[in-house]
């Protein structure tokens, strides 16, 4: 598999009750809410999370969180979260909530 299967299963658990669509993208498995990506299980065990772009600067101050870089350009609103930051359910739940909120606002 190209993505962390265990993390994908955990994401499904946290998204239970939220209508989602799964789609392979960004080298992982993305979970879309209302047609917009909320979170994705990456191939490295970490998470790609969509967030409010205005929150990006504050969130990247957290160790293990950085902006996604696309075509050499850091992207506000798209953050890579290292695996150890989502190893515990509470940490994962917080990122899932941010991702779902951002996807719904898109």
Protein backbone atom coordinates (compact mmCIF):
# COMPACT_ATOMS: atom_id res chain seq x y z
CA UNK A 1 0.00 0.00 0.00
CA UNK A 2 1.14 3.53 -0.70
CA UNK A 3 -0.32 4.86 2.55
CA UNK A 4 -0.35 3.93 6.23
CA UNK A 5 -3.22 1.42 6.44
CA UNK A 6 -3.40 1.57 10.24
CA UNK A 7 -3.70 5.36 10.19
CA UNK A 8 -6.38 5.13 7.49
CA UNK A 9 -8.37 2.76 9.71
CA UNK A 10 -7.99 5.12 12.67
CA UNK A 11 -9.15 8.02 10.49
CA UNK A 12 -12.24 6.03 9.48
CA UNK A 13 -13.01 5.50 13.18
CA UNK A 14 -12.65 9.22 13.94
CA UNK A 15 -14.74 10.17 10.92
CA UNK A 16 -17.54 7.75 11.74
CA UNK A 17 -20.85 9.58 11.42
CA UNK A 18 -19.37 12.17 9.07
CA UNK A 19 -20.23 11.55 5.40
CA UNK A 20 -16.89 11.06 3.64
CA UNK A 21 -15.48 9.87 0.36
CA UNK A 22 -12.10 8.18 0.16
CA UNK A 23 -9.77 8.98 -2.73
CA UNK A 24 -6.12 8.23 -3.42
CA UNK A 25 -4.27 11.52 -3.77
CA UNK A 26 -1.04 13.24 -2.68
CA UNK A 27 0.60 9.81 -2.43
CA UNK A 28 -1.82 8.74 0.29
CA UNK A 29 -5.46 8.07 1.01
CA UNK A 30 -7.53 11.24 1.36
CA UNK A 31 -10.85 11.61 3.14
CA UNK A 32 -13.13 14.16 1.54
CA UNK A 33 -16.01 15.90 3.26
CA UNK A 34 -18.51 17.56 0.93
CA UNK A 35 -16.10 16.98 -1.96
CA UNK A 36 -13.19 18.78 -0.26
CA UNK A 37 -10.21 17.04 1.29
CA UNK A 38 -10.17 17.11 5.09
CA UNK A 39 -7.30 14.77 6.00
CA UNK A 40 -5.13 12.15 4.33
CA UNK A 41 -3.11 9.20 5.58
CA UNK A 42 0.35 9.57 4.07
CA UNK A 43 2.72 6.85 2.99
CA UNK A 44 5.13 7.82 5.80
CA UNK A 45 2.68 7.31 8.66
CA UNK A 46 1.94 10.96 9.10
CA UNK A 47 -1.09 13.01 8.23
CA UNK A 48 -1.86 15.68 5.67
CA UNK A 49 -4.43 18.00 7.21
CA UNK A 50 -6.42 20.80 5.70
CA UNK A 51 -6.76 23.75 8.07
CA UNK A 52 -7.95 27.32 7.96
CA UNK A 53 -5.11 29.10 6.11
CA UNK A 54 -5.13 31.84 8.76
CA UNK A 55 -4.22 29.21 11.38
CA UNK A 56 -1.21 27.87 9.46
CA UNK A 57 1.43 30.10 11.01
CA UNK A 58 0.43 29.27 14.57
CA UNK A 59 0.09 25.55 13.86
CA UNK A 60 3.52 25.19 12.25
CA UNK A 61 5.02 26.42 15.51
CA UNK A 62 4.12 23.00 16.93
CA UNK A 63 7.01 20.55 16.68
CA UNK A 64 6.40 17.97 13.97
CA UNK A 65 4.05 20.17 11.92
CA UNK A 66 5.05 21.90 8.69
CA UNK A 67 3.44 23.39 5.63
CA UNK A 68 3.00 21.14 2.64
CA UNK A 69 5.27 22.26 -0.20
CA UNK A 70 3.85 22.01 -3.69
CA UNK A 71 6.00 22.91 -6.70
CA UNK A 72 8.52 24.50 -4.35
CA UNK A 73 5.92 26.72 -2.69
CA UNK A 74 4.80 26.31 0.96
CA UNK A 75 1.01 26.08 1.10
CA UNK A 76 -0.96 27.81 3.85
CA UNK A 77 -3.95 25.70 4.82
CA UNK A 78 -2.24 22.36 4.04
CA UNK A 79 -0.09 20.92 6.81
CA UNK A 80 2.01 17.80 7.16
CA UNK A 81 1.80 16.32 10.64
CA UNK A 82 4.43 13.78 11.67
CA UNK A 83 3.30 10.33 12.77
CA UNK A 84 4.25 10.84 16.42
CA UNK A 85 1.91 13.87 16.63
CA UNK A 86 -1.07 11.63 15.73
CA UNK A 87 0.02 8.44 17.51
CA UNK A 88 -2.43 9.11 20.34
CA UNK A 89 -6.16 9.28 19.65
CA UNK A 90 -6.53 12.71 21.26
CA UNK A 91 -3.90 14.18 18.94
CA UNK A 92 -5.45 12.56 15.89
CA UNK A 93 -8.95 13.68 16.89
CA UNK A 94 -7.85 17.32 17.10
CA UNK A 95 -6.37 17.22 13.57
CA UNK A 96 -9.42 15.42 12.18
CA UNK A 97 -11.70 18.08 13.68
CA UNK A 98 -9.60 20.85 12.12
CA UNK A 99 -9.62 19.08 8.77
CA UNK A 100 -13.37 18.51 8.75
CA UNK A 101 -14.05 22.13 9.71
CA UNK A 102 -11.75 23.42 6.94
CA UNK A 103 -13.29 21.09 4.34
CA UNK A 104 -16.80 22.20 5.30
CA UNK A 105 -15.76 25.85 5.03
CA UNK A 106 -14.21 25.37 1.58
